[in-house]
Amino acid sequence: MRRARRRDPDRTPAGAEPGPGFEITFDGRPVPALPGQSIAAALWSASVLSWRTTRVNGRPRGAFCGIGSCFECLATVNGHPNLRACLLPARPGDAVTTQEGNGHAAPRP
């Protein structure tokens, strides 16, 4: 028979104690983030569900698997396109922008 362990209300789950929060931006809008959060997690917590569009029909996409197996969560971060937001840790001051199509802008005439 197992004995139930008493929970200490002063401890956070698994002993995790996140540091102070910081901000990243998504299309110029401030988004709060915590140390250790991925960019996808920070965007989800701010109710942002899509941050790229498909190449052909421009349909919205966001995170699908959340573990880096697919490529639905591609984002442009600090000007670098095609980064998987579910694997990339958020850092203070990161600028995330909606990625249009393949992430490489067509040359302007």
C-alpha atoms as a PDB file:
ATOM      1  CA  MET A   1       0.000   0.000   0.000  1.00  0.00           C
ATOM      2  CA  ARG A   2       1.325   3.416  -0.948  1.00  0.00           C
ATOM      3  CA  ARG A   3       1.170   6.277   1.424  1.00  0.00           C
ATOM      4  CA  ALA A   4       0.084   9.620   0.036  1.00  0.00           C
ATOM      5  CA  ARG A   5       2.809  12.203   0.217  1.00  0.00           C
ATOM      6  CA  ARG A   6       1.851  15.469   1.855  1.00  0.00           C
ATOM      7  CA  ARG A   7       2.230  18.445  -0.378  1.00  0.00           C
ATOM      8  CA  ASP A   8       4.112  21.456   0.883  1.00  0.00           C
ATOM      9  CA  PRO A   9       2.089  24.522  -0.198  1.00  0.00           C
ATOM     10  CA  ASP A  10       5.213  26.700  -0.128  1.00  0.00           C
ATOM     11  CA  ARG A  11       6.884  24.692  -2.911  1.00  0.00           C
ATOM     12  CA  THR A  12       6.101  25.052  -6.566  1.00  0.00           C
ATOM     13  CA  PRO A  13       5.646  21.836  -8.600  1.00  0.00           C
ATOM     14  CA  ALA A  14       8.863  19.869  -9.045  1.00  0.00           C
ATOM     15  CA  GLY A  15      10.737  22.546  -7.141  1.00  0.00           C
ATOM     16  CA  ALA A  16      10.609  24.901 -10.137  1.00  0.00           C
ATOM     17  CA  GLU A  17      11.029  28.545  -9.315  1.00  0.00           C
ATOM     18  CA  PRO A  18      10.953  30.697 -12.435  1.00  0.00           C
ATOM     19  CA  GLY A  19      12.947  33.876 -12.444  1.00  0.00           C
ATOM     20  CA  PRO A  20      11.424  37.262 -13.145  1.00  0.00           C
ATOM     21  CA  GLY A  21       9.363  37.584 -16.296  1.00  0.00           C
ATOM     22  CA  PHE A  22      10.363  39.636 -19.318  1.00  0.00           C
ATOM     23  CA  GLU A  23       8.843  40.755 -22.610  1.00  0.00           C
ATOM     24  CA  ILE A  24       9.178  39.669 -26.195  1.00  0.00           C
ATOM     25  CA  THR A  25       7.257  41.251 -29.048  1.00  0.00           C
ATOM     26  CA  PHE A  26       4.964  39.693 -31.624  1.00  0.00           C
ATOM     27  CA  ASP A  27       4.304  41.917 -34.626  1.00  0.00           C
ATOM     28  CA  GLY A  28       5.159  44.895 -32.426  1.00  0.00           C
ATOM     29  CA  ARG A  29       2.811  43.884 -29.596  1.00  0.00           C
ATOM     30  CA  PRO A  30       4.408  43.158 -26.189  1.00  0.00           C
ATOM     31  CA  VAL A  31       4.057  39.556 -25.006  1.00  0.00           C
ATOM     32  CA  PRO A  32       5.014  38.478 -21.465  1.00  0.00           C
ATOM     33  CA  ALA A  33       7.349  35.479 -21.124  1.00  0.00           C
ATOM     34  CA  LEU A  34       9.021  33.519 -18.349  1.00  0.00           C
ATOM     35  CA  PRO A  35      12.538  32.075 -18.231  1.00  0.00           C
ATOM     36  CA  GLY A  36      12.563  28.604 -19.779  1.00  0.00           C
ATOM     37  CA  GLN A  37       9.447  29.187 -21.885  1.00  0.00           C
ATOM     38  CA  SER A  38       9.643  28.507 -25.585  1.00  0.00           C
ATOM     39  CA  ILE A  39       8.526  31.212 -27.957  1.00  0.00           C
ATOM     40  CA  ALA A  40       5.495  29.077 -28.861  1.00  0.00           C
ATOM     41  CA  ALA A  41       4.535  28.722 -25.172  1.00  0.00           C
ATOM     42  CA  ALA A  42       4.834  32.466 -24.614  1.00  0.00           C
ATOM     43  CA  LEU A  43       2.671  33.168 -27.667  1.00  0.00           C
ATOM     44  CA  TRP A  44       0.091  30.567 -26.606  1.00  0.00           C
ATOM     45  CA  SER A  45      -0.124  32.082 -23.134  1.00  0.00           C
ATOM     46  CA  ALA A  46      -0.847  35.442 -24.775  1.00  0.00           C
ATOM     47  CA  SER A  47      -3.669  33.846 -26.839  1.00  0.00           C
ATOM     48  CA  VAL A  48      -1.688  34.020 -30.092  1.00  0.00           C
ATOM     49  CA  LEU A  49      -2.507  30.803 -31.948  1.00  0.00           C
ATOM     50  CA  SER A  50      -0.952  31.407 -35.369  1.00  0.00           C
ATOM     51  CA  TRP A  51       2.261  33.124 -36.403  1.00  0.00           C
ATOM     52  CA  ARG A  52       2.864  32.030 -39.973  1.00  0.00           C
ATOM     53  CA  THR A  53       0.938  31.507 -43.194  1.00  0.00           C
ATOM     54  CA  THR A  54       1.242  28.715 -45.741  1.00  0.00           C
ATOM     55  CA  ARG A  55       3.080  29.279 -49.028  1.00  0.00           C
ATOM     56  CA  VAL A  56       0.237  28.429 -51.373  1.00  0.00           C
ATOM     57  CA  ASN A  57      -3.036  29.661 -49.890  1.00  0.00           C
ATOM     58  CA  GLY A  58      -1.845  31.912 -47.063  1.00  0.00           C
ATOM     59  CA  ARG A  59      -3.641  29.863 -44.404  1.00  0.00           C
ATOM     60  CA  PRO A  60      -2.737  30.544 -40.765  1.00  0.00           C
ATOM     61  CA  ARG A  61      -0.494  28.098 -38.909  1.00  0.00           C
ATOM     62  CA  GLY A  62       0.883  27.856 -35.383  1.00  0.00           C
ATOM     63  CA  ALA A  63       2.107  25.045 -33.165  1.00  0.00           C
ATOM     64  CA  PHE A  64       0.857  21.538 -33.941  1.00  0.00           C
ATOM     65  CA  CYS A  65       3.018  18.903 -32.248  1.00  0.00           C
ATOM     66  CA  GLY A  66       4.803  21.168 -29.755  1.00  0.00           C
ATOM     67  CA  ILE A  67       7.918  18.946 -29.668  1.00  0.00           C
ATOM     68  CA  GLY A  68       9.802  19.845 -32.836  1.00  0.00           C
ATOM     69  CA  SER A  69       8.711  16.897 -34.987  1.00  0.00           C
ATOM     70  CA  CYS A  70       6.708  18.909 -37.474  1.00  0.00           C
ATOM     71  CA  PHE A  71       7.366  22.310 -39.005  1.00  0.00           C
ATOM     72  CA  GLU A  72       4.024  24.016 -38.420  1.00  0.00           C
ATOM     73  CA  CYS A  73       5.415  26.436 -35.820  1.00  0.00           C
ATOM     74  CA  LEU A  74       8.002  28.109 -38.046  1.00  0.00           C
ATOM     75  CA  ALA A  75       8.456  31.746 -37.112  1.00  0.00           C
ATOM     76  CA  THR A  76      10.639  34.697 -37.962  1.00  0.00           C
ATOM     77  CA  VAL A  77      12.578  35.655 -34.830  1.00  0.00           C
ATOM     78  CA  ASN A  78      14.899  38.659 -34.757  1.00  0.00           C
ATOM     79  CA  GLY A  79      14.809  38.728 -38.557  1.00  0.00           C
ATOM     80  CA  HIS A  80      15.765  35.042 -38.973  1.00  0.00           C
ATOM     81  CA  PRO A  81      13.030  33.066 -40.771  1.00  0.00           C
ATOM     82  CA  ASN A  82      12.070  29.391 -40.459  1.00  0.00           C
ATOM     83  CA  LEU A  83      12.872  28.877 -36.772  1.00  0.00           C
ATOM     84  CA  ARG A  84      10.775  26.327 -34.862  1.00  0.00           C
ATOM     85  CA  ALA A  85       9.075  28.368 -32.148  1.00  0.00           C
ATOM     86  CA  CYS A  86       8.317  25.291 -30.026  1.00  0.00           C
ATOM     87  CA  LEU A  87      12.053  24.562 -29.636  1.00  0.00           C
ATOM     88  CA  LEU A  88      13.437  28.089 -29.375  1.00  0.00           C
ATOM     89  CA  PRO A  89      13.686  29.490 -25.845  1.00  0.00           C
ATOM     90  CA  ALA A  90      12.288  32.988 -25.479  1.00  0.00           C
ATOM     91  CA  ARG A  91      14.881  35.616 -24.574  1.00  0.00           C
ATOM     92  CA  PRO A  92      14.298  39.157 -23.373  1.00  0.00           C
ATOM     93  CA  GLY A  93      13.745  41.488 -26.308  1.00  0.00           C
ATOM     94  CA  ASP A  94      13.109  38.797 -28.935  1.00  0.00           C
ATOM     95  CA  ALA A  95      11.114  40.196 -31.854  1.00  0.00           C
ATOM     96  CA  VAL A  96       8.781  37.616 -33.399  1.00  0.00           C
ATOM     97  CA  THR A  97       6.992  38.514 -36.616  1.00  0.00           C
ATOM     98  CA  THR A  98       4.359  36.681 -38.614  1.00  0.00           C
ATOM     99  CA  GLN A  99       6.126  34.610 -41.239  1.00  0.00           C
ATOM    100  CA  GLU A 100       4.529  34.890 -44.652  1.00  0.00           C
ATOM    101  CA  GLY A 101       4.900  31.851 -46.923  1.00  0.00           C
ATOM    102  CA  ASN A 102       8.419  30.411 -46.922  1.00  0.00           C
ATOM    103  CA  GLY A 103       9.834  33.257 -44.843  1.00  0.00           C
ATOM    104  CA  HIS A 104      11.940  34.749 -47.607  1.00  0.00           C
ATOM    105  CA  ALA A 105      10.507  37.951 -48.976  1.00  0.00           C
ATOM    106  CA  ALA A 106      10.389  38.263 -52.722  1.00  0.00           C
ATOM    107  CA  PRO A 107      12.812  40.821 -54.145  1.00  0.00           C
ATOM    108  CA  ARG A 108      11.145  44.182 -54.594  1.00  0.00           C
ATOM    109  CA  PRO A 109      11.244  45.755 -58.067  1.00  0.00           C
END
